[in-house]
């Protein structure tokens, strides 16, 4: 009688454990899902309306982290809120400077960077 009860109880528990283990193994091998994304290739014309909207967006979204008070430009600065044990944290230069800023990117590469936080699309 006890053996029959153990079969009835332990059978489904063992099946559930095997299924759960298989699911965990599948997820750990398949995660994170990487889908290749191609960078868009737009050529954005700097119209006065776009420039005005860009200035507004920068003042609301970007200036807090990238505006240097000494240069009054988006050249980046040292971030004071990082943990001291980890060293210095500096925000990036997002000016159009050709080597130190985002001037080295095409419009499409810059759009991809802003959308995905990755520098280059995997082809």
Protein backbone atom coordinates (compact mmCIF):
# COMPACT_ATOMS: atom_id res chain seq x y z
CA UNK A 1 0.00 0.00 0.00
CA UNK A 2 2.82 2.41 0.88
CA UNK A 3 4.65 1.57 -2.37
CA UNK A 4 1.55 2.38 -4.40
CA UNK A 5 1.16 5.76 -2.65
CA UNK A 6 4.84 6.54 -3.23
CA UNK A 7 4.47 5.68 -6.95
CA UNK A 8 1.41 7.89 -7.27
CA UNK A 9 3.05 10.82 -5.46
CA UNK A 10 6.68 10.55 -6.54
CA UNK A 11 5.94 9.77 -10.20
CA UNK A 12 4.43 13.17 -11.02
CA UNK A 13 6.99 14.96 -8.80
CA UNK A 14 9.87 13.29 -10.68
CA UNK A 15 8.25 14.10 -14.04
CA UNK A 16 7.83 17.73 -12.98
CA UNK A 17 11.48 17.90 -11.85
CA UNK A 18 12.70 16.49 -15.18
CA UNK A 19 10.53 18.96 -17.14
CA UNK A 20 11.69 21.89 -15.00
CA UNK A 21 15.33 20.87 -15.44
CA UNK A 22 14.88 20.63 -19.20
CA UNK A 23 13.25 24.05 -19.31
CA UNK A 24 16.05 25.64 -17.25
CA UNK A 25 18.68 24.03 -19.48
CA UNK A 26 16.92 25.26 -22.62
CA UNK A 27 16.59 28.83 -21.34
CA UNK A 28 20.19 29.00 -20.10
CA UNK A 29 21.52 27.83 -23.46
CA UNK A 30 19.25 30.04 -25.58
CA UNK A 31 19.43 33.25 -23.50
CA UNK A 32 19.96 36.09 -24.28
CA UNK A 33 18.32 36.02 -27.66
CA UNK A 34 20.50 37.86 -30.15
CA UNK A 35 18.79 39.07 -33.28
CA UNK A 36 21.09 40.73 -35.82
CA UNK A 37 19.99 44.29 -36.50
CA UNK A 38 21.16 46.30 -39.47
CA UNK A 39 21.95 49.95 -38.97
CA UNK A 40 19.53 52.30 -40.71
CA UNK A 41 21.07 54.43 -43.42
CA UNK A 42 19.15 57.69 -43.43
CA UNK A 43 20.57 61.03 -44.49
CA UNK A 44 18.96 63.54 -42.17
CA UNK A 45 18.72 67.09 -43.46
CA UNK A 46 19.24 69.70 -40.71
CA UNK A 47 16.13 71.84 -41.23
CA UNK A 48 15.49 74.71 -38.79
CA UNK A 49 12.54 72.79 -37.30
CA UNK A 50 14.69 69.70 -36.67
CA UNK A 51 17.48 71.77 -35.14
CA UNK A 52 15.03 73.50 -32.79
CA UNK A 53 13.47 70.17 -31.77
CA UNK A 54 16.94 68.67 -31.29
CA UNK A 55 17.98 71.54 -29.01
CA UNK A 56 14.83 71.04 -26.94
CA UNK A 57 15.38 67.26 -26.67
CA UNK A 58 19.04 67.74 -25.73
CA UNK A 59 18.19 70.23 -23.00
CA UNK A 60 15.60 67.85 -21.53
CA UNK A 61 17.27 64.44 -22.01
CA UNK A 62 21.03 64.84 -22.54
CA UNK A 63 22.35 68.00 -20.93
CA UNK A 64 22.09 66.72 -17.36
CA UNK A 65 24.59 63.97 -18.00
CA UNK A 66 26.79 65.38 -20.76
CA UNK A 67 26.89 69.18 -20.24
CA UNK A 68 30.22 70.41 -18.90
CA UNK A 69 29.70 73.51 -16.74
CA UNK A 70 33.20 74.81 -17.59
CA UNK A 71 32.85 74.66 -21.38
CA UNK A 72 29.04 74.97 -21.58
CA UNK A 73 29.14 72.25 -24.24
CA UNK A 74 28.14 68.59 -24.33
CA UNK A 75 31.77 67.50 -23.92
CA UNK A 76 31.04 65.27 -20.93
CA UNK A 77 32.23 65.58 -17.37
CA UNK A 78 33.17 63.54 -14.33
CA UNK A 79 30.15 61.92 -12.72
CA UNK A 80 30.07 62.56 -8.97
CA UNK A 81 27.43 59.91 -8.19
CA UNK A 82 29.57 56.86 -9.03
CA UNK A 83 30.98 54.74 -6.20
CA UNK A 84 34.45 55.93 -5.20
CA UNK A 85 35.72 52.35 -4.91
CA UNK A 86 35.23 51.83 -8.65
CA UNK A 87 37.27 54.80 -9.80
CA UNK A 88 36.28 57.77 -11.96
CA UNK A 89 33.15 57.80 -14.11
CA UNK A 90 32.97 60.27 -16.97
CA UNK A 91 30.08 60.89 -19.33
CA UNK A 92 30.77 60.77 -23.06
CA UNK A 93 31.46 63.68 -25.37
CA UNK A 94 28.40 63.97 -27.62
CA UNK A 95 29.53 66.98 -29.64
CA UNK A 96 30.20 66.75 -33.39
CA UNK A 97 33.97 66.58 -32.76
CA UNK A 98 35.45 64.22 -35.41
CA UNK A 99 37.61 62.15 -33.04
CA UNK A 100 36.48 62.83 -29.48
CA UNK A 101 32.75 63.16 -30.08
CA UNK A 102 30.05 61.66 -32.26
CA UNK A 103 31.27 63.40 -35.43
CA UNK A 104 32.87 60.17 -36.65
CA UNK A 105 29.47 58.49 -37.05
CA UNK A 106 27.20 58.69 -40.07
CA UNK A 107 23.58 59.65 -39.45
CA UNK A 108 22.58 55.99 -39.65
CA UNK A 109 25.30 54.83 -37.25
CA UNK A 110 24.35 57.54 -34.77
CA UNK A 111 20.66 56.57 -34.99
CA UNK A 112 21.64 52.93 -34.37
CA UNK A 113 23.81 53.92 -31.40
CA UNK A 114 21.04 55.97 -29.81
CA UNK A 115 18.44 53.23 -30.33
CA UNK A 116 20.47 50.21 -29.24
CA UNK A 117 23.42 51.54 -27.17
CA UNK A 118 25.74 49.53 -29.46
CA UNK A 119 28.28 51.15 -31.72
CA UNK A 120 28.04 48.99 -34.82
CA UNK A 121 25.43 46.73 -36.31
CA UNK A 122 26.39 43.11 -36.86
CA UNK A 123 26.15 42.39 -40.55
